[in-house]
Amino acid sequence: MLTNKTLRIEPRGIERIGEVLSDNRIDGKILYVSDPTVDALFGGIVKPQLSKIGRVKEETVDYNTISYAMNIAERVIATDVSCIVALGGGKVLDVCKYAAYISKCPLLSVPTTMANDGIASPIAVLKRQDGKPKSLGCAMPSMLVLDTELIQNSPAKLIKAGIGDTISNYMALIDWKHACDMGQDTMNGYAYLMSQTSLDALMKTQYDSICPEFLGVLANSLVLSGIAMDFAGSSRPVSGSEHLFSHALDYYASVQNLHGIQVALGTVAVLKLIGQPYDEVLSYLRRFDVDIHPGRLGIDRDTFVFCMKNATTMRKHRYTYLHETPMEEASLGHLYDELIEEL
């Protein structure tokens, strides 16, 4: 569980990495993992701090495969690494989360983007041998430093994707409650509350622009989503039909979009499909200019219909409203046309 010693969300937090490691009595060998671009931008700030704590080894992440994460885990075990420090976006963080989980090594996560709740989740999305993504259970980072000033200077589209990923809790919670009512799942009250709190914190924010104060709210929401998954032991509190739709797009669509944008589109689409109110969600997305127009995302009518029809095949034992909703091509095509017009 992240505590005040292990969680820092603040401006210029990247300058306090050494302090966090010292507070948690980390010494010895430290494996620093980043990608070439992020290392060139911020490695000069991070690595000198690590050198004051222990002996620094480096690893450059070029791809996010299961085998690569396993190789890093083997290196950690074989060379007695005492802590992994992961600096970067989703690819770096997912590789390191899984490597830390396999090697049972502490992990300090230093995200340079907030595109999704992967910054603190116990889930790593890595590629199989065939190049298809696979969600793997792991553990939350032992420590997390999120620099809101650094994040504000990252591409706005990544921040908007983070908004979309948190907003998707709206549909995920509806699906989870319904699955429990239908006897298809069991409820974890703590996890449900955490996910709802994550959603409420974001949707009830007083801010109307992507300012440093709003980024603090978004960061806390994403962390709460990660804690919800940790409580539940799965992604159930934050992943429902909207995520199944997004997974189908990942598998079948010719154009790949950011995960947070796809699940935001899935949230609005499924709410419309099952006749639930969606105005509150759509209004919030428009408030922060989160564009989920399927045409502008490169999702054509046939792809949308196919992925919606095949969404339920994406994950076993994840019961949602889609499992009992008629999936006729004509009605799904009409839904697509309505989204094109309305969005």
Protein backbone atom coordinates (compact mmCIF):
# COMPACT_ATOMS: atom_id res chain seq x y z
CA MET A 1 0.00 0.00 0.00
CA LEU A 2 1.31 3.48 -0.88
CA THR A 3 1.87 5.69 2.17
CA ASN A 4 3.10 9.22 2.81
CA LYS A 5 6.67 7.89 2.65
CA THR A 6 6.12 6.08 -0.63
CA LEU A 7 3.76 8.39 -2.53
CA ARG A 8 4.77 11.88 -3.63
CA ILE A 9 2.49 13.88 -5.95
CA GLU A 10 3.88 17.39 -6.22
CA PRO A 11 5.65 19.90 -8.49
CA ARG A 12 9.36 19.13 -8.99
CA GLY A 13 8.89 15.74 -7.39
CA ILE A 14 11.52 14.29 -9.73
CA GLU A 15 14.12 16.17 -7.69
CA ARG A 16 13.12 14.27 -4.52
CA ILE A 17 13.62 10.70 -5.76
CA GLY A 18 16.72 10.26 -3.62
CA GLU A 19 14.78 11.43 -0.56
CA VAL A 20 12.05 8.84 -1.18
CA LEU A 21 14.60 6.04 -1.57
CA SER A 22 16.41 7.10 1.60
CA ASP A 23 13.14 7.29 3.54
CA ASN A 24 12.49 3.70 2.52
CA ARG A 25 16.03 2.54 3.42
CA ILE A 26 17.00 1.60 -0.11
CA ASP A 27 20.71 1.08 -0.74
CA GLY A 28 22.98 -1.33 -2.58
CA LYS A 29 22.47 -1.93 -6.30
CA ILE A 30 19.79 0.12 -8.03
CA LEU A 31 18.58 -0.76 -11.52
CA TYR A 32 17.60 2.41 -13.40
CA VAL A 33 15.24 1.70 -16.30
CA SER A 34 14.09 4.24 -18.88
CA ASP A 35 13.82 4.73 -22.63
CA PRO A 36 16.31 6.74 -24.72
CA THR A 37 14.09 9.80 -25.13
CA VAL A 38 13.06 10.12 -21.49
CA ASP A 39 16.58 9.36 -20.29
CA ALA A 40 17.94 12.18 -22.46
CA LEU A 41 15.40 14.59 -20.95
CA PHE A 42 15.44 13.62 -17.29
CA GLY A 43 18.19 11.07 -16.68
CA GLY A 44 20.56 13.86 -15.72
CA ILE A 45 18.26 14.77 -12.83
CA VAL A 46 17.53 11.24 -11.63
CA LYS A 47 20.79 9.30 -11.96
CA PRO A 48 22.93 11.58 -9.77
CA GLN A 49 20.38 11.13 -6.98
CA LEU A 50 20.59 7.35 -7.35
CA SER A 51 24.38 7.43 -7.28
CA LYS A 52 24.25 8.96 -3.82
CA ILE A 53 22.11 6.05 -2.62
CA GLY A 54 23.92 3.06 -4.11
CA ARG A 55 25.57 1.56 -7.19
CA VAL A 56 23.56 2.31 -10.33
CA LYS A 57 23.01 -0.19 -13.15
CA GLU A 58 21.13 0.90 -16.28
CA GLU A 59 18.67 -0.76 -18.67
CA THR A 60 17.11 0.79 -21.76
CA VAL A 61 13.59 -0.32 -22.69
CA ASP A 62 13.08 -0.60 -26.42
CA TYR A 63 10.05 -2.92 -26.40
CA ASN A 64 7.45 -4.16 -23.97
CA THR A 65 7.28 -7.91 -24.39
CA ILE A 66 6.67 -10.53 -21.72
CA SER A 67 10.03 -12.15 -22.47
CA TYR A 68 11.88 -8.84 -22.11
CA ALA A 69 10.28 -8.19 -18.70
CA MET A 70 11.27 -11.72 -17.64
CA ASN A 71 14.85 -11.04 -18.75
CA ILE A 72 14.99 -7.94 -16.57
CA ALA A 73 13.58 -9.93 -13.65
CA GLU A 74 16.32 -12.53 -14.17
CA ARG A 75 18.96 -9.78 -14.17
CA VAL A 76 17.54 -8.33 -10.94
CA ILE A 77 17.66 -11.72 -9.22
CA ALA A 78 21.07 -12.77 -10.56
CA THR A 79 22.83 -9.50 -9.66
CA ASP A 80 21.14 -8.87 -6.29
CA VAL A 81 19.50 -5.60 -7.28
CA SER A 82 17.87 -3.98 -4.23
CA CYS A 83 15.47 -1.66 -6.08
CA ILE A 84 14.22 -0.92 -9.59
CA VAL A 85 13.68 2.73 -10.52
CA ALA A 86 11.41 3.07 -13.55
CA LEU A 87 11.36 6.45 -15.30
CA GLY A 88 9.07 6.84 -18.29
CA GLY A 89 5.68 6.13 -19.79
CA GLY A 90 3.47 3.07 -19.91
CA LYS A 91 5.91 0.82 -21.77
CA VAL A 92 8.69 1.32 -19.20
CA LEU A 93 6.37 1.15 -16.20
CA ASP A 94 4.61 -2.04 -17.33
CA VAL A 95 7.88 -3.84 -18.05
CA CYS A 96 9.25 -2.82 -14.65
CA LYS A 97 6.07 -3.63 -12.72
CA TYR A 98 6.10 -7.17 -14.05
CA ALA A 99 9.86 -7.57 -13.58
CA ALA A 100 9.57 -6.32 -9.99
CA TYR A 101 6.67 -8.68 -9.35
CA ILE A 102 8.54 -11.73 -10.67
CA SER A 103 11.78 -10.86 -8.87
CA LYS A 104 10.03 -9.69 -5.67
CA CYS A 105 12.11 -6.51 -5.85
CA PRO A 106 10.96 -3.05 -4.63
CA LEU A 107 9.96 -0.69 -7.44
CA LEU A 108 9.99 3.09 -7.52
CA SER A 109 7.70 4.26 -10.34
CA VAL A 110 8.37 7.73 -11.79
CA PRO A 111 5.75 8.31 -14.53
CA THR A 112 6.44 10.93 -17.17
CA THR A 113 2.87 10.72 -18.49
CA MET A 114 -0.58 10.19 -16.99
CA ALA A 115 -2.27 8.53 -19.95
CA ASN A 116 -3.90 5.77 -17.85
CA ASP A 117 -4.17 4.23 -14.40
CA GLY A 118 -1.20 1.98 -15.12
CA ILE A 119 1.01 4.36 -13.13
CA ALA A 120 -0.10 2.61 -9.93
CA SER A 121 -2.12 -0.43 -10.99
CA PRO A 122 -1.33 -4.08 -10.24
CA ILE A 123 -1.73 -4.83 -13.96
CA ALA A 124 0.97 -4.88 -16.65
CA VAL A 125 0.04 -4.87 -20.33
CA LEU A 126 2.79 -6.62 -22.28
CA LYS A 127 3.05 -8.12 -25.74
CA ARG A 128 2.96 -11.83 -26.45
CA GLN A 129 5.15 -13.53 -29.05
CA ASP A 130 2.55 -12.79 -31.72
CA GLY A 131 2.63 -9.07 -30.88
CA LYS A 132 -0.83 -9.01 -29.31
CA PRO A 133 -1.22 -7.30 -25.93
CA LYS A 134 -1.89 -9.34 -22.80
CA SER A 135 -2.92 -8.02 -19.39
CA LEU A 136 -0.94 -9.68 -16.62
CA GLY A 137 -1.47 -9.48 -12.89
CA CYS A 138 1.48 -8.09 -10.95
CA ALA A 139 1.85 -5.79 -7.94
CA MET A 140 1.48 -2.07 -7.38
CA PRO A 141 4.75 -0.10 -7.29
CA SER A 142 6.34 0.00 -3.84
CA MET A 143 6.95 3.74 -4.25
CA LEU A 144 5.61 6.37 -6.63
CA VAL A 145 6.84 9.88 -7.40
CA LEU A 146 4.67 11.93 -9.73
CA ASP A 147 5.95 15.34 -10.76
CA THR A 148 2.93 17.46 -11.72
CA GLU A 149 5.14 20.15 -13.25
CA LEU A 150 6.80 17.59 -15.50
CA ILE A 151 3.44 16.08 -16.45
CA GLN A 152 2.01 19.48 -17.38
CA ASN A 153 4.73 19.83 -20.00
CA SER A 154 3.92 16.45 -21.53
CA PRO A 155 1.65 16.22 -24.63
CA ALA A 156 -1.92 17.28 -23.78
CA LYS A 157 -3.31 14.22 -25.57
CA LEU A 158 -1.72 11.96 -22.95
CA ILE A 159 -3.31 13.89 -20.09
CA LYS A 160 -6.68 13.75 -21.86
CA ALA A 161 -6.26 9.99 -22.20
CA GLY A 162 -5.76 9.82 -18.43
CA ILE A 163 -9.02 11.72 -17.98
CA GLY A 164 -10.74 9.27 -20.30
CA ASP A 165 -9.39 6.24 -18.45
CA THR A 166 -10.68 7.53 -15.10
CA ILE A 167 -14.06 8.49 -16.57
CA SER A 168 -14.45 4.91 -17.79
CA ASN A 169 -14.88 3.88 -14.13
CA TYR A 170 -18.44 5.17 -14.63
CA MET A 171 -19.37 2.30 -16.94
CA ALA A 172 -17.15 -0.23 -15.17
CA LEU A 173 -18.98 0.28 -11.87
CA ILE A 174 -22.39 -0.03 -13.55
CA ASP A 175 -21.27 -3.30 -15.16
CA TRP A 176 -19.81 -4.67 -11.93
CA LYS A 177 -22.94 -3.99 -9.89
CA HIS A 178 -25.10 -5.49 -12.61
CA ALA A 179 -22.90 -8.60 -12.83
CA CYS A 180 -23.25 -9.07 -9.07
CA ASP A 181 -27.03 -8.57 -9.23
CA MET A 182 -27.15 -11.28 -11.91
CA GLY A 183 -25.09 -13.68 -9.80
CA GLN A 184 -22.19 -13.52 -12.26
CA ASP A 185 -19.65 -11.88 -9.95
CA THR A 186 -18.99 -11.01 -6.32
CA MET A 187 -18.72 -7.53 -4.86
CA ASN A 188 -15.75 -6.14 -2.95
CA GLY A 189 -17.10 -3.12 -1.12
CA TYR A 190 -13.73 -1.52 -0.45
CA ALA A 191 -12.66 -1.81 -4.09
CA TYR A 192 -16.01 -0.45 -5.32
CA LEU A 193 -15.74 2.51 -2.94
CA MET A 194 -12.19 3.29 -4.06
CA SER A 195 -13.17 3.24 -7.73
CA GLN A 196 -16.23 5.41 -7.05
CA THR A 197 -14.09 7.84 -5.04
CA SER A 198 -11.59 8.00 -7.90
CA LEU A 199 -14.40 8.85 -10.32
CA ASP A 200 -16.06 11.38 -8.00
CA ALA A 201 -12.79 13.18 -7.27
CA LEU A 202 -12.34 13.82 -10.97
CA MET A 203 -15.92 14.60 -12.02
CA LYS A 204 -16.58 16.91 -9.08
CA THR A 205 -13.40 18.92 -9.51
CA GLN A 206 -13.72 22.69 -9.50
CA TYR A 207 -11.14 23.11 -12.25
CA ASP A 208 -12.03 23.70 -15.89
CA SER A 209 -8.57 23.54 -17.42
CA ILE A 210 -5.50 21.33 -17.29
CA CYS A 211 -3.68 23.32 -14.62
CA PRO A 212 -1.19 22.01 -12.00
CA GLU A 213 -3.95 21.80 -9.40
CA PHE A 214 -6.13 19.72 -11.72
CA LEU A 215 -3.21 17.42 -12.48
CA GLY A 216 -2.93 16.76 -8.75
CA VAL A 217 -6.58 15.71 -8.73
CA LEU A 218 -6.12 13.52 -11.81
CA ALA A 219 -3.01 11.90 -10.32
CA ASN A 220 -4.82 11.06 -7.09
CA SER A 221 -7.75 9.64 -9.09
CA LEU A 222 -5.47 7.38 -11.11
CA VAL A 223 -3.71 6.19 -7.95
CA LEU A 224 -7.07 5.47 -6.29
CA SER A 225 -8.03 3.38 -9.31
CA GLY A 226 -4.84 1.39 -8.85
CA ILE A 227 -5.64 0.86 -5.16
CA ALA A 228 -9.16 -0.28 -6.11
CA MET A 229 -7.67 -2.96 -8.34
CA ASP A 230 -5.27 -3.98 -5.59
CA PHE A 231 -8.16 -4.41 -3.14
CA ALA A 232 -10.18 -6.43 -5.66
CA GLY A 233 -7.27 -8.55 -6.85
CA SER A 234 -8.28 -7.80 -10.45
CA SER A 235 -9.13 -4.91 -12.77
CA ARG A 236 -12.87 -5.43 -12.19
CA PRO A 237 -13.48 -2.09 -10.33
CA VAL A 238 -12.21 -0.06 -13.29
CA SER A 239 -12.82 -2.33 -16.28
CA GLY A 240 -16.15 -3.27 -17.79
CA SER A 241 -17.74 -3.37 -21.21
CA GLU A 242 -15.93 -0.18 -22.26
CA HIS A 243 -12.58 -1.91 -21.71
CA LEU A 244 -13.70 -5.04 -23.57
CA PHE A 245 -14.57 -2.80 -26.53
CA SER A 246 -11.15 -1.12 -26.29
CA HIS A 247 -9.39 -4.51 -26.17
CA ALA A 248 -11.26 -5.52 -29.32
CA LEU A 249 -10.06 -2.34 -31.03
CA ASP A 250 -6.50 -3.18 -29.98
CA TYR A 251 -6.83 -6.61 -31.59
CA TYR A 252 -8.80 -5.84 -34.73
CA ALA A 253 -8.57 -2.14 -35.67
CA SER A 254 -6.03 -1.02 -38.24
CA VAL A 255 -5.46 2.27 -36.37
CA GLN A 256 -4.33 2.25 -32.75
CA ASN A 257 -5.47 5.01 -30.40
CA LEU A 258 -4.56 5.77 -26.82
CA HIS A 259 -6.21 3.36 -24.39
CA GLY A 260 -7.81 6.14 -22.33
CA ILE A 261 -9.47 7.65 -25.40
CA GLN A 262 -10.82 4.28 -26.54
CA VAL A 263 -12.36 3.42 -23.17
CA ALA A 264 -13.92 6.89 -22.96
CA LEU A 265 -15.54 6.28 -26.37
CA GLY A 266 -16.60 2.84 -25.17
CA THR A 267 -18.19 4.33 -22.06
CA VAL A 268 -20.40 6.73 -24.01
CA ALA A 269 -21.18 4.14 -26.70
CA VAL A 270 -22.25 1.41 -24.26
CA LEU A 271 -24.30 3.82 -22.13
CA LYS A 272 -26.19 4.83 -25.29
CA LEU A 273 -26.54 1.19 -26.36
CA ILE A 274 -28.12 0.05 -23.07
CA GLY A 275 -30.29 3.16 -22.68
CA GLN A 276 -28.49 4.63 -19.66
CA PRO A 277 -27.95 8.41 -19.22
CA TYR A 278 -24.63 9.56 -20.62
CA ASP A 279 -24.96 13.37 -20.69
CA GLU A 280 -22.89 13.84 -17.52
CA VAL A 281 -19.99 11.82 -18.93
CA LEU A 282 -20.09 13.48 -22.34
CA SER A 283 -20.32 16.95 -20.81
CA TYR A 284 -17.25 16.28 -18.69
CA LEU A 285 -15.23 14.99 -21.63
CA ARG A 286 -16.14 18.11 -23.62
CA ARG A 287 -15.16 20.28 -20.65
CA PHE A 288 -11.57 19.15 -21.09
CA ASP A 289 -11.72 18.79 -24.88
CA VAL A 290 -11.34 14.99 -24.83
CA ASP A 291 -12.21 14.08 -28.42
CA ILE A 292 -13.82 10.64 -28.75
CA HIS A 293 -15.32 11.11 -32.23
CA PRO A 294 -14.83 7.66 -33.84
CA GLY A 295 -14.32 9.09 -37.31
CA ARG A 296 -11.53 11.40 -36.19
CA LEU A 297 -9.99 8.46 -34.32
CA GLY A 298 -9.87 6.50 -37.57
CA ILE A 299 -12.52 3.99 -36.45
CA ASP A 300 -14.81 3.29 -39.39
CA ARG A 301 -18.35 1.94 -39.19
CA ASP A 302 -17.47 -1.68 -39.97
CA THR A 303 -14.64 -1.76 -37.41
CA PHE A 304 -16.85 -0.22 -34.72
CA VAL A 305 -19.63 -2.74 -35.33
CA PHE A 306 -17.25 -5.72 -35.46
CA CYS A 307 -15.41 -4.72 -32.27
CA MET A 308 -18.61 -4.06 -30.36
CA LYS A 309 -20.00 -7.45 -31.44
CA ASN A 310 -16.80 -9.25 -30.43
CA ALA A 311 -16.07 -7.31 -27.25
CA THR A 312 -17.40 -10.05 -24.95
CA THR A 313 -14.84 -12.52 -26.32
CA MET A 314 -11.94 -10.41 -25.11
CA ARG A 315 -11.88 -11.55 -21.49
CA LYS A 316 -13.31 -14.67 -19.89
CA HIS A 317 -15.41 -14.31 -16.75
CA ARG A 318 -15.87 -10.52 -17.19
CA TYR A 319 -19.68 -10.32 -17.28
CA THR A 320 -21.11 -7.00 -18.51
CA TYR A 321 -24.27 -5.54 -19.96
CA LEU A 322 -22.97 -6.48 -23.41
CA HIS A 323 -23.45 -10.15 -22.60
CA GLU A 324 -27.23 -9.73 -22.59
CA THR A 325 -27.65 -6.87 -25.08
CA PRO A 326 -28.73 -7.76 -28.64
CA MET A 327 -25.76 -7.18 -30.95
CA GLU A 328 -27.50 -6.76 -34.27
CA GLU A 329 -25.39 -5.17 -36.98
CA ALA A 330 -28.14 -2.75 -37.97
CA SER A 331 -28.59 -1.36 -34.44
CA LEU A 332 -24.84 -1.12 -33.87
CA GLY A 333 -24.43 0.65 -37.20
CA HIS A 334 -27.17 3.07 -36.17
CA LEU A 335 -25.35 3.65 -32.88
CA TYR A 336 -22.17 4.49 -34.80
CA ASP A 337 -24.06 6.95 -37.01
CA GLU A 338 -25.53 8.64 -33.93
CA LEU A 339 -22.09 8.96 -32.35
CA ILE A 340 -20.68 10.47 -35.54
CA GLU A 341 -23.47 13.05 -35.58
CA GLU A 342 -23.50 13.82 -31.86
CA LEU A 343 -19.78 13.94 -31.18
